[in-house]
Amino acid sequence: MIIDRDFANYIVFCEDTILEALKKISKNEGRIVFSVTERGVLDGVLTNGDFRRWIAGNPNFDITRPIGPILNKAYKWAFIDDTPEKIQAVMGDHMCLPLLDRNHHLVAFARRAPAEKVRIGSHVISEGTPVFVIAEIGINHNGSLELARKLIDLAVESGADCAKFQMRHMESLYRRAPEIDASSEDLGAQYTLSLLERFQLKPEEMFTAFDYCKERGILPLCTAWDLESLGALERYGMEGYKLASADLTHHDLLVALAMTGKPLLCSTGMSLESEIIDAVELLNRHGSRFALLHCNSTYPAPFKDINLKYMDRLKEIGRCPVGYSGHERGYSVALAA
């Protein structure tokens, strides 16, 4: 089951003609249209089968008539905030199920087809579209908004489709290490935490960087490392999310990401195959649109460990678009992927 909020090709208005509805039925994947009022309230549905049955009973049909009189008013529906299990139960054998908010506005629909494509902003990621190239800025701005802008400029000049950042809420993610004797203990964790704190952009600065991406015509994306960061990015209006390899088994975060309804790009570099399968099942249960990225979480990744053919296995597991997140030296492996 996929919960799809990209339903422009599925919407008609009550006063639209039957011909206009048929054009959309022929164009979309579900062979169905949802008729809404001017306020966005669901008024009825029309499937390919509904239309055929109407023709059989009206041999002198006129497809320039408004769609209203031939709509199926006895349609099934569910609330968008119902549990995935309830949505699936209501859906039954139907291919598509309208999902409504508590004011009965149409806000999404559930459908059975596998996630053969992922749409992020104006970009479609699928077998038949050009590769979606992400320029990973991460925290390489070193906490400087000025440097972040320069890196965005370089991403644009390189022809990348997306500039990606990372956001962490330090207090949520990391327990404060106690003061320890520098002469006798490993300072690796303290050193790393110190660098992360110094190289963070403040949320307002991050949002300014996202706005600059849009000014330059490149899509901003961000890895949300925790629930607090996800909340901040949702308030900004992020169009999709990247999940770090370390978080594929963090199911609380994974569910929260799925519940945003935004498309997800999920790295798999720190998971066993059984854990990848568990994550895919969880995402499918919550109707998420996602892509899986083959990844080696070593820095730099040795060439002997790359195993690009595992991308084919990821496609089998996820029944979704797949990609590659590279940590190796050079760019040859990325081109081969």
Protein backbone atom coordinates (compact mmCIF):
# COMPACT_ATOMS: atom_id res chain seq x y z
CA MET A 1 0.00 0.00 0.00
CA ILE A 2 1.18 3.49 -0.89
CA ILE A 3 -0.35 6.67 0.52
CA ASP A 4 -0.14 9.16 -2.31
CA ARG A 5 -0.59 12.91 -1.93
CA ASP A 6 0.30 13.64 -5.54
CA PHE A 7 -3.22 13.39 -6.93
CA ALA A 8 -3.57 16.26 -9.41
CA ASN A 9 -4.26 13.76 -12.21
CA TYR A 10 -6.99 12.14 -10.13
CA ILE A 11 -9.08 15.24 -9.29
CA VAL A 12 -12.14 16.54 -11.14
CA PHE A 13 -14.79 19.01 -10.07
CA CYS A 14 -18.52 18.33 -9.98
CA GLU A 15 -19.20 20.64 -12.91
CA ASP A 16 -16.47 19.13 -15.15
CA THR A 17 -17.66 17.12 -18.12
CA ILE A 18 -17.61 13.34 -18.40
CA LEU A 19 -15.08 13.75 -21.23
CA GLU A 20 -12.69 15.65 -18.95
CA ALA A 21 -13.02 12.90 -16.33
CA LEU A 22 -12.33 10.21 -18.94
CA LYS A 23 -9.14 11.95 -20.03
CA LYS A 24 -7.84 11.83 -16.47
CA ILE A 25 -8.94 8.23 -15.98
CA SER A 26 -6.96 7.29 -19.09
CA LYS A 27 -3.94 9.28 -17.94
CA ASN A 28 -3.52 8.24 -14.31
CA GLU A 29 -2.33 4.91 -12.92
CA GLY A 30 -5.40 4.08 -10.84
CA ARG A 31 -8.04 4.34 -13.59
CA ILE A 32 -10.18 6.40 -11.22
CA VAL A 33 -11.04 10.04 -10.56
CA PHE A 34 -12.20 11.72 -7.37
CA SER A 35 -14.78 14.48 -7.70
CA VAL A 36 -14.51 17.29 -5.15
CA THR A 37 -16.47 20.43 -4.41
CA GLU A 38 -14.92 23.90 -4.57
CA ARG A 39 -14.05 23.48 -0.88
CA GLY A 40 -12.20 20.25 -1.57
CA VAL A 41 -14.83 17.98 0.00
CA LEU A 42 -15.07 14.59 -1.68
CA ASP A 43 -18.35 14.35 -3.59
CA GLY A 44 -18.01 11.01 -5.39
CA VAL A 45 -15.75 8.78 -7.45
CA LEU A 46 -15.80 7.47 -10.99
CA THR A 47 -13.86 4.41 -12.11
CA ASN A 48 -13.36 2.96 -15.56
CA GLY A 49 -15.89 0.27 -14.59
CA ASP A 50 -18.44 2.85 -13.38
CA PHE A 51 -18.26 4.58 -16.76
CA ARG A 52 -18.72 1.33 -18.68
CA ARG A 53 -21.75 0.42 -16.60
CA TRP A 54 -23.24 3.87 -17.20
CA ILE A 55 -22.76 3.50 -20.97
CA ALA A 56 -24.50 0.10 -20.90
CA GLY A 57 -27.56 1.69 -19.32
CA ASN A 58 -27.51 4.85 -21.44
CA PRO A 59 -27.10 3.96 -25.12
CA ASN A 60 -27.67 7.61 -26.13
CA PHE A 61 -24.96 8.91 -23.82
CA ASP A 62 -23.53 12.42 -24.04
CA ILE A 63 -20.00 12.78 -22.68
CA THR A 64 -20.22 16.59 -22.71
CA ARG A 65 -22.64 16.42 -19.77
CA PRO A 66 -21.39 17.31 -16.25
CA ILE A 67 -19.96 14.38 -14.33
CA GLY A 68 -22.14 14.89 -11.26
CA PRO A 69 -25.14 12.65 -12.16
CA ILE A 70 -22.99 9.58 -12.97
CA LEU A 71 -20.71 9.70 -9.91
CA ASN A 72 -20.59 6.73 -7.58
CA LYS A 73 -21.75 8.11 -4.23
CA ALA A 74 -21.51 4.77 -2.40
CA TYR A 75 -17.73 4.78 -2.32
CA LYS A 76 -15.46 3.52 0.42
CA TRP A 77 -13.10 5.90 2.19
CA ALA A 78 -10.97 6.21 5.32
CA PHE A 79 -9.53 9.00 7.42
CA ILE A 80 -5.91 9.97 6.76
CA ASP A 81 -5.08 9.52 10.45
CA ASP A 82 -6.54 6.00 10.67
CA THR A 83 -4.05 3.25 11.40
CA PRO A 84 -2.42 1.56 8.38
CA GLU A 85 -4.17 -1.67 9.37
CA LYS A 86 -7.60 0.01 9.31
CA ILE A 87 -6.91 1.69 5.95
CA GLN A 88 -5.88 -1.65 4.47
CA ALA A 89 -8.99 -3.33 5.91
CA VAL A 90 -11.31 -0.70 4.40
CA MET A 91 -9.42 -0.86 1.11
CA GLY A 92 -10.03 -4.58 0.75
CA ASP A 93 -9.68 -5.60 -2.88
CA HIS A 94 -9.98 -2.04 -4.23
CA MET A 95 -7.01 -0.58 -6.11
CA CYS A 96 -7.50 2.95 -4.74
CA LEU A 97 -9.09 4.33 -1.57
CA PRO A 98 -9.71 8.06 -0.94
CA LEU A 99 -8.33 9.38 2.36
CA LEU A 100 -10.04 12.32 4.04
CA ASP A 101 -9.26 14.71 6.86
CA ARG A 102 -11.75 15.16 9.68
CA ASN A 103 -13.59 17.81 7.64
CA HIS A 104 -14.00 15.29 4.79
CA HIS A 105 -11.58 17.12 2.51
CA LEU A 106 -9.71 14.81 0.15
CA VAL A 107 -6.06 14.95 1.21
CA ALA A 108 -4.56 11.72 -0.21
CA PHE A 109 -5.41 8.28 -1.48
CA ALA A 110 -4.12 4.80 -0.78
CA ARG A 111 -3.25 2.53 -3.67
CA ARG A 112 -1.81 -0.91 -4.17
CA ALA A 113 0.75 -0.35 -6.91
CA PRO A 114 4.43 -0.62 -5.90
CA ALA A 115 6.45 2.58 -5.61
CA GLU A 116 7.83 2.50 -9.13
CA LYS A 117 8.62 6.19 -8.99
CA VAL A 118 9.29 8.83 -6.37
CA ARG A 119 8.47 12.49 -6.93
CA ILE A 120 10.41 15.10 -4.94
CA GLY A 121 9.48 18.64 -5.82
CA SER A 122 9.55 18.86 -9.62
CA HIS A 123 11.84 15.82 -9.94
CA VAL A 124 10.64 12.30 -10.75
CA ILE A 125 12.94 9.43 -9.80
CA SER A 126 12.15 6.32 -11.85
CA GLU A 127 13.49 3.85 -14.41
CA GLY A 128 12.57 6.17 -17.28
CA THR A 129 13.91 9.48 -15.97
CA PRO A 130 17.45 10.89 -15.75
CA VAL A 131 19.55 10.11 -12.68
CA PHE A 132 18.75 12.33 -9.69
CA VAL A 133 22.12 13.74 -8.59
CA ILE A 134 22.54 14.85 -4.96
CA ALA A 135 25.36 17.18 -3.96
CA GLU A 136 26.10 16.26 -0.34
CA ILE A 137 26.95 19.40 1.61
CA GLY A 138 26.22 17.79 4.98
CA ILE A 139 28.07 19.79 7.62
CA ASN A 140 30.93 20.78 5.29
CA HIS A 141 29.80 24.39 5.65
CA ASN A 142 31.67 24.23 9.00
CA GLY A 143 28.89 26.21 10.67
CA SER A 144 29.26 29.14 8.25
CA LEU A 145 26.22 30.33 6.30
CA GLU A 146 28.54 32.16 3.90
CA LEU A 147 30.40 28.92 3.12
CA ALA A 148 27.07 27.09 2.79
CA ARG A 149 26.05 29.57 0.08
CA LYS A 150 29.35 29.01 -1.75
CA LEU A 151 28.84 25.24 -1.64
CA ILE A 152 25.30 25.67 -2.99
CA ASP A 153 26.72 27.76 -5.84
CA LEU A 154 29.21 24.99 -6.64
CA ALA A 155 26.42 22.39 -6.57
CA VAL A 156 24.45 24.48 -9.07
CA GLU A 157 27.50 24.95 -11.30
CA SER A 158 28.13 21.18 -11.27
CA GLY A 159 24.62 20.49 -12.58
CA ALA A 160 23.38 18.67 -9.46
CA ASP A 161 19.64 18.38 -8.96
CA CYS A 162 19.74 18.69 -5.19
CA ALA A 163 21.86 20.17 -2.41
CA LYS A 164 21.56 18.14 0.79
CA PHE A 165 22.28 19.14 4.37
CA GLN A 166 22.09 17.48 7.79
CA MET A 167 20.26 18.71 10.89
CA ARG A 168 20.87 17.46 14.44
CA HIS A 169 19.38 18.42 17.78
CA MET A 170 22.48 17.79 19.87
CA GLU A 171 20.74 17.54 23.25
CA SER A 172 18.38 14.85 21.93
CA LEU A 173 21.00 12.79 20.16
CA TYR A 174 24.00 12.72 22.44
CA ARG A 175 24.45 12.20 26.15
CA ARG A 176 27.02 14.57 27.58
CA ALA A 177 30.31 12.82 28.19
CA PRO A 178 31.62 13.47 31.73
CA GLU A 179 34.84 15.32 32.27
CA ILE A 180 37.61 12.75 31.91
CA ASP A 181 41.33 12.68 32.34
CA ALA A 182 42.78 13.65 28.99
CA SER A 183 46.00 11.80 29.74
CA SER A 184 44.37 8.40 30.27
CA GLU A 185 41.16 8.16 28.23
CA ASP A 186 40.14 8.07 24.59
CA LEU A 187 38.86 11.54 23.65
CA GLY A 188 37.39 10.41 20.32
CA ALA A 189 33.72 10.82 21.34
CA GLN A 190 34.30 14.19 23.03
CA TYR A 191 36.29 15.42 20.04
CA THR A 192 33.54 14.36 17.62
CA LEU A 193 30.79 15.99 19.69
CA SER A 194 32.82 19.18 19.93
CA LEU A 195 33.23 19.29 16.14
CA LEU A 196 29.52 18.63 15.56
CA GLU A 197 28.56 21.46 17.90
CA ARG A 198 30.97 23.88 16.25
CA PHE A 199 29.93 22.96 12.72
CA GLN A 200 26.18 23.19 13.20
CA LEU A 201 24.13 25.84 11.44
CA LYS A 202 21.38 27.29 13.58
CA PRO A 203 17.92 26.28 12.32
CA GLU A 204 17.23 29.81 11.07
CA GLU A 205 20.54 29.79 9.18
CA MET A 206 19.71 26.37 7.72
CA PHE A 207 16.34 27.68 6.50
CA THR A 208 18.11 30.66 4.93
CA ALA A 209 20.38 28.20 3.09
CA PHE A 210 17.31 26.27 1.89
CA ASP A 211 15.78 29.51 0.62
CA TYR A 212 19.02 30.29 -1.22
CA CYS A 213 18.86 26.85 -2.88
CA LYS A 214 15.43 27.73 -4.22
CA GLU A 215 16.68 31.10 -5.46
CA ARG A 216 19.43 29.29 -7.36
CA GLY A 217 17.02 26.73 -8.82
CA ILE A 218 18.28 23.65 -6.96
CA LEU A 219 16.18 21.47 -4.66
CA PRO A 220 17.13 21.58 -0.95
CA LEU A 221 16.94 18.33 1.02
CA CYS A 222 18.04 17.45 4.52
CA THR A 223 18.80 14.45 6.68
CA ALA A 224 16.78 14.64 9.89
CA TRP A 225 18.82 12.87 12.56
CA ASP A 226 16.17 13.05 15.28
CA LEU A 227 12.51 13.85 15.94
CA GLU A 228 13.18 17.43 17.03
CA SER A 229 15.03 18.17 13.80
CA LEU A 230 12.24 16.52 11.81
CA GLY A 231 9.70 18.78 13.52
CA ALA A 232 11.72 21.87 12.60
CA LEU A 233 12.09 20.74 8.98
CA GLU A 234 8.37 20.00 8.75
CA ARG A 235 7.59 23.51 9.98
CA TYR A 236 9.87 24.84 7.23
CA GLY A 237 8.10 22.76 4.59
CA MET A 238 10.81 20.35 3.42
CA GLU A 239 9.67 18.42 0.31
CA GLY A 240 11.38 15.14 1.12
CA TYR A 241 13.89 13.57 3.47
CA LYS A 242 17.09 11.56 3.44
CA LEU A 243 17.46 8.84 6.07
CA ALA A 244 21.00 8.16 7.24
CA SER A 245 22.31 4.60 7.20
CA ALA A 246 22.59 4.68 10.98
CA ASP A 247 18.85 5.26 11.32
CA LEU A 248 17.37 2.54 9.11
CA THR A 249 16.80 0.50 12.28
CA HIS A 250 15.56 3.53 14.26
CA HIS A 251 11.93 2.62 13.74
CA ASP A 252 10.45 5.47 15.80
CA LEU A 253 12.16 7.97 13.51
CA LEU A 254 11.31 5.90 10.43
CA VAL A 255 7.61 5.87 11.32
CA ALA A 256 7.66 9.61 12.01
CA LEU A 257 9.24 10.23 8.61
CA ALA A 258 6.68 7.98 6.91
CA MET A 259 3.82 9.80 8.64
CA THR A 260 4.88 13.12 7.10
CA GLY A 261 3.76 11.72 3.75
CA LYS A 262 6.95 13.05 2.16
CA PRO A 263 9.15 10.90 -0.11
CA LEU A 264 12.14 9.27 1.57
CA LEU A 265 15.62 8.36 0.34
CA CYS A 266 16.92 5.64 2.66
CA SER A 267 20.57 4.65 2.91
CA THR A 268 21.25 1.04 3.89
CA GLY A 269 24.97 1.07 4.66
CA MET A 270 24.85 -0.05 8.30
CA SER A 271 22.10 -2.69 8.09
CA LEU A 272 21.90 -6.43 7.65
CA GLU A 273 19.63 -7.56 4.82
CA SER A 274 17.08 -8.73 7.39
CA GLU A 275 17.03 -5.19 8.83
CA ILE A 276 16.52 -3.70 5.37
CA ILE A 277 13.57 -6.05 4.85
CA ASP A 278 12.10 -5.01 8.22
CA ALA A 279 12.42 -1.33 7.30
CA VAL A 280 10.76 -1.90 3.90
CA GLU A 281 7.86 -3.73 5.54
CA LEU A 282 7.42 -0.89 8.02
CA LEU A 283 7.49 1.77 5.28
CA ASN A 284 5.01 -0.18 3.15
CA ARG A 285 2.71 -0.62 6.13
CA HIS A 286 2.60 3.15 6.54
CA GLY A 287 2.09 3.81 2.84
CA SER A 288 5.41 5.57 2.33
CA ARG A 289 7.02 6.41 -1.02
CA PHE A 290 10.71 5.66 -0.80
CA ALA A 291 13.91 4.76 -2.61
CA LEU A 292 16.67 2.57 -1.23
CA LEU A 293 20.31 3.61 -1.58
CA HIS A 294 23.11 1.06 -1.65
CA CYS A 295 25.87 2.31 0.61
CA ASN A 296 29.07 1.29 2.41
CA SER A 297 29.44 3.10 5.71
CA THR A 298 33.22 3.17 5.69
CA TYR A 299 35.22 6.32 5.00
CA PRO A 300 36.67 5.98 2.45
CA ALA A 301 34.96 2.78 1.29
CA PRO A 302 37.49 0.28 -0.15
CA PHE A 303 36.84 -0.51 -3.80
CA LYS A 304 36.84 -4.24 -3.04
CA ASP A 305 33.75 -3.78 -0.84
CA ILE A 306 31.58 -1.69 -3.20
CA ASN A 307 29.52 -4.55 -4.75
CA LEU A 308 27.28 -2.41 -7.00
CA LYS A 309 25.34 -5.52 -8.05
CA TYR A 310 23.64 -5.38 -4.66
CA MET A 311 21.54 -2.54 -6.11
CA ASP A 312 19.66 -5.24 -8.06
CA ARG A 313 18.95 -7.08 -4.80
CA LEU A 314 17.72 -3.86 -3.18
CA LYS A 315 15.28 -3.42 -6.05
CA GLU A 316 13.93 -6.92 -5.40
CA ILE A 317 13.56 -6.22 -1.68
CA GLY A 318 11.99 -2.79 -1.94
CA ARG A 319 10.13 -2.98 -5.27
CA CYS A 320 11.09 0.68 -5.50
CA PRO A 321 13.63 2.96 -7.18
CA VAL A 322 17.19 2.34 -6.04
CA GLY A 323 20.27 4.50 -5.97
CA TYR A 324 23.79 4.77 -4.63
CA SER A 325 25.32 6.75 -1.79
CA GLY A 326 29.08 6.73 -2.22
CA HIS A 327 31.85 7.24 0.31
CA GLU A 328 34.75 6.03 -1.82
CA ARG A 329 37.48 8.13 -3.41
CA GLY A 330 36.89 9.59 -6.86
CA TYR A 331 33.79 9.54 -9.02
CA SER A 332 34.18 6.39 -11.13
CA VAL A 333 32.04 4.23 -8.84
CA ALA A 334 29.23 6.78 -8.85
CA LEU A 335 29.28 6.81 -12.66
CA ALA A 336 29.21 3.01 -12.72
CA ALA A 337 26.26 2.99 -10.29
